[in-house]
Amino acid sequence: MTLALAGSLLWGGSVWLWLAGICAGKILIRLFLTIALAIAVYILTYALIIGGILWLLIY
């Protein structure tokens, strides 16, 4: 709320507009981090499966 108030005072515009922008930014950052985590887990899972198959074939 403080950031929204400071932003609206410095650059003009509505406090509610700034607040909505900050909330949208938080949602986008969380979405991006969630997608990045999902991709990392996907890659690690496949690496584990491929590593397991290769380990079984070698030994």
PDB file of N, CA and C in Angstrom:
ATOM      1  N   MET A   1       0.838  -1.198   0.000  1.00  0.00           N
ATOM      2  CA  MET A   1       0.000   0.000   0.000  1.00  0.00           C
ATOM      3  C   MET A   1       0.878   1.255   0.000  1.00  0.00           C
ATOM      4  N   THR A   2       1.979   1.218   0.760  1.00  0.00           N
ATOM      5  CA  THR A   2       2.873   2.377   0.822  1.00  0.00           C
ATOM      6  C   THR A   2       3.494   2.652  -0.540  1.00  0.00           C
ATOM      7  N   LEU A   3       3.891   1.577  -1.228  1.00  0.00           N
ATOM      8  CA  LEU A   3       4.482   1.719  -2.561  1.00  0.00           C
ATOM      9  C   LEU A   3       3.473   2.292  -3.543  1.00  0.00           C
ATOM     10  N   ALA A   4       2.237   1.847  -3.446  1.00  0.00           N
ATOM     11  CA  ALA A   4       1.191   2.358  -4.336  1.00  0.00           C
ATOM     12  C   ALA A   4       0.934   3.832  -4.061  1.00  0.00           C
ATOM     13  N   LEU A   5       0.922   4.213  -2.795  1.00  0.00           N
ATOM     14  CA  LEU A   5       0.688   5.610  -2.417  1.00  0.00           C
ATOM     15  C   LEU A   5       1.839   6.490  -2.889  1.00  0.00           C
ATOM     16  N   ALA A   6       3.078   6.029  -2.682  1.00  0.00           N
ATOM     17  CA  ALA A   6       4.250   6.799  -3.112  1.00  0.00           C
ATOM     18  C   ALA A   6       4.282   6.926  -4.631  1.00  0.00           C
ATOM     19  N   GLY A   7       3.968   5.849  -5.323  1.00  0.00           N
ATOM     20  CA  GLY A   7       3.968   5.875  -6.782  1.00  0.00           C
ATOM     21  C   GLY A   7       2.921   6.805  -7.339  1.00  0.00           C
ATOM     22  N   SER A   8       1.751   6.812  -6.724  1.00  0.00           N
ATOM     23  CA  SER A   8       0.685   7.685  -7.221  1.00  0.00           C
ATOM     24  C   SER A   8       1.003   9.150  -6.939  1.00  0.00           C
ATOM     25  N   LEU A   9       1.693   9.418  -5.831  1.00  0.00           N
ATOM     26  CA  LEU A   9       2.072  10.799  -5.519  1.00  0.00           C
ATOM     27  C   LEU A   9       3.189  11.295  -6.431  1.00  0.00           C
ATOM     28  N   LEU A  10       4.158  10.417  -6.729  1.00  0.00           N
ATOM     29  CA  LEU A  10       5.304  10.820  -7.543  1.00  0.00           C
ATOM     30  C   LEU A  10       4.949  10.987  -9.017  1.00  0.00           C
ATOM     31  N   TRP A  11       4.246  10.027  -9.569  1.00  0.00           N
ATOM     32  CA  TRP A  11       3.998  10.034 -11.011  1.00  0.00           C
ATOM     33  C   TRP A  11       2.542  10.297 -11.382  1.00  0.00           C
ATOM     34  N   GLY A  12       1.750  10.620 -10.425  1.00  0.00           N
ATOM     35  CA  GLY A  12       0.340  10.880 -10.716  1.00  0.00           C
ATOM     36  C   GLY A  12      -0.412   9.579 -10.915  1.00  0.00           C
ATOM     37  N   GLY A  13      -1.693   9.689 -11.123  1.00  0.00           N
ATOM     38  CA  GLY A  13      -2.499   8.486 -11.310  1.00  0.00           C
ATOM     39  C   GLY A  13      -3.194   8.086 -10.029  1.00  0.00           C
ATOM     40  N   SER A  14      -4.047   7.135 -10.159  1.00  0.00           N
ATOM     41  CA  SER A  14      -4.863   6.687  -9.038  1.00  0.00           C
ATOM     42  C   SER A  14      -4.095   5.711  -8.153  1.00  0.00           C
ATOM     43  N   VAL A  15      -4.364   5.783  -6.864  1.00  0.00           N
ATOM     44  CA  VAL A  15      -3.757   4.834  -5.917  1.00  0.00           C
ATOM     45  C   VAL A  15      -4.219   3.423  -6.248  1.00  0.00           C
ATOM     46  N   TRP A  16      -5.504   3.291  -6.617  1.00  0.00           N
ATOM     47  CA  TRP A  16      -6.062   1.969  -6.920  1.00  0.00           C
ATOM     48  C   TRP A  16      -5.420   1.378  -8.171  1.00  0.00           C
ATOM     49  N   LEU A  17      -5.089   2.252  -9.131  1.00  0.00           N
ATOM     50  CA  LEU A  17      -4.424   1.789 -10.352  1.00  0.00           C
ATOM     51  C   LEU A  17      -3.032   1.250 -10.013  1.00  0.00           C
ATOM     52  N   TRP A  18      -2.325   1.987  -9.164  1.00  0.00           N
ATOM     53  CA  TRP A  18      -0.999   1.539  -8.742  1.00  0.00           C
ATOM     54  C   TRP A  18      -1.088   0.235  -7.959  1.00  0.00           C
ATOM     55  N   LEU A  19      -2.086   0.149  -7.083  1.00  0.00           N
ATOM     56  CA  LEU A  19      -2.269  -1.054  -6.274  1.00  0.00           C
ATOM     57  C   LEU A  19      -2.575  -2.256  -7.163  1.00  0.00           C
ATOM     58  N   ALA A  20      -3.426  -2.038  -8.169  1.00  0.00           N
ATOM     59  CA  ALA A  20      -3.760  -3.114  -9.110  1.00  0.00           C
ATOM     60  C   ALA A  20      -2.524  -3.534  -9.899  1.00  0.00           C
ATOM     61  N   GLY A  21      -1.702  -2.563 -10.287  1.00  0.00           N
ATOM     62  CA  GLY A  21      -0.474  -2.876 -11.017  1.00  0.00           C
ATOM     63  C   GLY A  21       0.499  -3.690 -10.185  1.00  0.00           C
ATOM     64  N   ILE A  22       0.626  -3.326  -8.911  1.00  0.00           N
ATOM     65  CA  ILE A  22       1.526  -4.060  -8.015  1.00  0.00           C
ATOM     66  C   ILE A  22       1.020  -5.486  -7.816  1.00  0.00           C
ATOM     67  N   CYS A  23      -0.292  -5.640  -7.622  1.00  0.00           N
ATOM     68  CA  CYS A  23      -0.873  -6.979  -7.446  1.00  0.00           C
ATOM     69  C   CYS A  23      -0.685  -7.817  -8.706  1.00  0.00           C
ATOM     70  N   ALA A  24      -0.898  -7.202  -9.877  1.00  0.00           N
ATOM     71  CA  ALA A  24      -0.714  -7.922 -11.140  1.00  0.00           C
ATOM     72  C   ALA A  24       0.749  -8.330 -11.301  1.00  0.00           C
ATOM     73  N   GLY A  25       1.660  -7.448 -10.907  1.00  0.00           N
ATOM     74  CA  GLY A  25       3.084  -7.766 -10.980  1.00  0.00           C
ATOM     75  C   GLY A  25       3.445  -8.941 -10.090  1.00  0.00           C
ATOM     76  N   LYS A  26       2.895  -8.966  -8.886  1.00  0.00           N
ATOM     77  CA  LYS A  26       3.159 -10.077  -7.970  1.00  0.00           C
ATOM     78  C   LYS A  26       2.634 -11.387  -8.553  1.00  0.00           C
ATOM     79  N   ILE A  27       1.429 -11.329  -9.139  1.00  0.00           N
ATOM     80  CA  ILE A  27       0.837 -12.531  -9.728  1.00  0.00           C
ATOM     81  C   ILE A  27       1.690 -13.023 -10.895  1.00  0.00           C
ATOM     82  N   LEU A  28       2.169 -12.096 -11.734  1.00  0.00           N
ATOM     83  CA  LEU A  28       3.002 -12.484 -12.875  1.00  0.00           C
ATOM     84  C   LEU A  28       4.325 -13.090 -12.422  1.00  0.00           C
ATOM     85  N   ILE A  29       4.930 -12.509 -11.370  1.00  0.00           N
ATOM     86  CA  ILE A  29       6.192 -13.051 -10.856  1.00  0.00           C
ATOM     87  C   ILE A  29       5.980 -14.451 -10.291  1.00  0.00           C
ATOM     88  N   ARG A  30       4.891 -14.636  -9.539  1.00  0.00           N
ATOM     89  CA  ARG A  30       4.598 -15.966  -8.993  1.00  0.00           C
ATOM     90  C   ARG A  30       4.350 -16.971 -10.109  1.00  0.00           C
ATOM     91  N   LEU A  31       3.621 -16.548 -11.139  1.00  0.00           N
ATOM     92  CA  LEU A  31       3.339 -17.428 -12.273  1.00  0.00           C
ATOM     93  C   LEU A  31       4.635 -17.822 -12.975  1.00  0.00           C
ATOM     94  N   PHE A  32       5.515 -16.839 -13.193  1.00  0.00           N
ATOM     95  CA  PHE A  32       6.799 -17.107 -13.851  1.00  0.00           C
ATOM     96  C   PHE A  32       7.636 -18.081 -13.025  1.00  0.00           C
ATOM     97  N   LEU A  33       7.703 -17.867 -11.703  1.00  0.00           N
ATOM     98  CA  LEU A  33       8.485 -18.751 -10.839  1.00  0.00           C
ATOM     99  C   LEU A  33       7.902 -20.160 -10.810  1.00  0.00           C
ATOM    100  N   THR A  34       6.568 -20.255 -10.834  1.00  0.00           N
ATOM    101  CA  THR A  34       5.917 -21.562 -10.841  1.00  0.00           C
ATOM    102  C   THR A  34       6.234 -22.315 -12.124  1.00  0.00           C
ATOM    103  N   ILE A  35       6.175 -21.613 -13.259  1.00  0.00           N
ATOM    104  CA  ILE A  35       6.482 -22.244 -14.543  1.00  0.00           C
ATOM    105  C   ILE A  35       7.948 -22.673 -14.585  1.00  0.00           C
ATOM    106  N   ALA A  36       8.844 -21.821 -14.086  1.00  0.00           N
ATOM    107  CA  ALA A  36      10.271 -22.159 -14.066  1.00  0.00           C
ATOM    108  C   ALA A  36      10.527 -23.386 -13.192  1.00  0.00           C
ATOM    109  N   LEU A  37       9.850 -23.460 -12.048  1.00  0.00           N
ATOM    110  CA  LEU A  37      10.003 -24.608 -11.156  1.00  0.00           C
ATOM    111  C   LEU A  37       9.470 -25.876 -11.813  1.00  0.00           C
ATOM    112  N   ALA A  38       8.330 -25.762 -12.509  1.00  0.00           N
ATOM    113  CA  ALA A  38       7.751 -26.919 -13.188  1.00  0.00           C
ATOM    114  C   ALA A  38       8.688 -27.437 -14.278  1.00  0.00           C
ATOM    115  N   ILE A  39       9.294 -26.527 -15.031  1.00  0.00           N
ATOM    116  CA  ILE A  39      10.232 -26.933 -16.085  1.00  0.00           C
ATOM    117  C   ILE A  39      11.452 -27.618 -15.469  1.00  0.00           C
ATOM    118  N   ALA A  40      11.959 -27.062 -14.372  1.00  0.00           N
ATOM    119  CA  ALA A  40      13.126 -27.658 -13.707  1.00  0.00           C
ATOM    120  C   ALA A  40      12.808 -29.061 -13.200  1.00  0.00           C
ATOM    121  N   VAL A  41      11.644 -29.246 -12.591  1.00  0.00           N
ATOM    122  CA  VAL A  41      11.247 -30.563 -12.084  1.00  0.00           C
ATOM    123  C   VAL A  41      11.078 -31.543 -13.242  1.00  0.00           C
ATOM    124  N   TYR A  42      10.492 -31.074 -14.350  1.00  0.00           N
ATOM    125  CA  TYR A  42      10.298 -31.899 -15.545  1.00  0.00           C
ATOM    126  C   TYR A  42      11.640 -32.394 -16.083  1.00  0.00           C
ATOM    127  N   ILE A  43      12.598 -31.476 -16.205  1.00  0.00           N
ATOM    128  CA  ILE A  43      13.922 -31.837 -16.726  1.00  0.00           C
ATOM    129  C   ILE A  43      14.630 -32.800 -15.773  1.00  0.00           C
ATOM    130  N   LEU A  44      14.557 -32.528 -14.469  1.00  0.00           N
ATOM    131  CA  LEU A  44      15.214 -33.404 -13.496  1.00  0.00           C
ATOM    132  C   LEU A  44      14.587 -34.795 -13.477  1.00  0.00           C
ATOM    133  N   THR A  45      13.266 -34.858 -13.637  1.00  0.00           N
ATOM    134  CA  THR A  45      12.586 -36.154 -13.663  1.00  0.00           C
ATOM    135  C   THR A  45      13.047 -36.975 -14.858  1.00  0.00           C
ATOM    136  N   TYR A  46      13.080 -36.342 -16.029  1.00  0.00           N
ATOM    137  CA  TYR A  46      13.541 -37.061 -17.213  1.00  0.00           C
ATOM    138  C   TYR A  46      15.006 -37.455 -17.098  1.00  0.00           C
ATOM    139  N   ALA A  47      15.830 -36.593 -16.505  1.00  0.00           N
ATOM    140  CA  ALA A  47      17.240 -36.923 -16.308  1.00  0.00           C
ATOM    141  C   ALA A  47      17.376 -38.131 -15.381  1.00  0.00           C
ATOM    142  N   LEU A  48      16.535 -38.185 -14.353  1.00  0.00           N
ATOM    143  CA  LEU A  48      16.562 -39.313 -13.422  1.00  0.00           C
ATOM    144  C   LEU A  48      16.142 -40.600 -14.120  1.00  0.00           C
ATOM    145  N   ILE A  49      15.095 -40.528 -14.948  1.00  0.00           N
ATOM    146  CA  ILE A  49      14.623 -41.710 -15.675  1.00  0.00           C
ATOM    147  C   ILE A  49      15.693 -42.203 -16.650  1.00  0.00           C
ATOM    148  N   ILE A  50      16.255 -41.286 -17.434  1.00  0.00           N
ATOM    149  CA  ILE A  50      17.281 -41.664 -18.409  1.00  0.00           C
ATOM    150  C   ILE A  50      18.526 -42.186 -17.690  1.00  0.00           C
ATOM    151  N   GLY A  51      18.903 -41.526 -16.597  1.00  0.00           N
ATOM    152  CA  GLY A  51      20.045 -41.991 -15.815  1.00  0.00           C
ATOM    153  C   GLY A  51      19.810 -43.379 -15.246  1.00  0.00           C
ATOM    154  N   GLY A  52      18.589 -43.628 -14.780  1.00  0.00           N
ATOM    155  CA  GLY A  52      18.256 -44.949 -14.243  1.00  0.00           C
ATOM    156  C   GLY A  52      18.327 -46.027 -15.304  1.00  0.00           C
ATOM    157  N   ILE A  53      17.810 -45.726 -16.499  1.00  0.00           N
ATOM    158  CA  ILE A  53      17.855 -46.697 -17.596  1.00  0.00           C
ATOM    159  C   ILE A  53      19.306 -46.984 -17.991  1.00  0.00           C
ATOM    160  N   LEU A  54      20.109 -45.929 -18.120  1.00  0.00           N
ATOM    161  CA  LEU A  54      21.521 -46.124 -18.476  1.00  0.00           C
ATOM    162  C   LEU A  54      22.262 -46.908 -17.393  1.00  0.00           C
ATOM    163  N   TRP A  55      21.938 -46.630 -16.130  1.00  0.00           N
ATOM    164  CA  TRP A  55      22.579 -47.336 -15.021  1.00  0.00           C
ATOM    165  C   TRP A  55      22.238 -48.826 -15.066  1.00  0.00           C
ATOM    166  N   LEU A  56      20.962 -49.141 -15.389  1.00  0.00           N
ATOM    167  CA  LEU A  56      20.552 -50.543 -15.497  1.00  0.00           C
ATOM    168  C   LEU A  56      21.239 -51.225 -16.675  1.00  0.00           C
ATOM    169  N   LEU A  57      21.398 -50.499 -17.776  1.00  0.00           N
ATOM    170  CA  LEU A  57      22.033 -51.087 -18.956  1.00  0.00           C
ATOM    171  C   LEU A  57      23.525 -51.318 -18.752  1.00  0.00           C
ATOM    172  N   ILE A  58      24.174 -50.415 -18.022  1.00  0.00           N
ATOM    173  CA  ILE A  58      25.617 -50.536 -17.820  1.00  0.00           C
ATOM    174  C   ILE A  58      25.931 -51.649 -16.817  1.00  0.00           C
ATOM    175  N   TYR A  59      25.146 -51.749 -15.741  1.00  0.00           N
ATOM    176  CA  TYR A  59      25.425 -52.747 -14.701  1.00  0.00           C
ATOM    177  C   TYR A  59      24.576 -53.954 -14.833  1.00  0.00           C
TER     178      TYR A  59
END
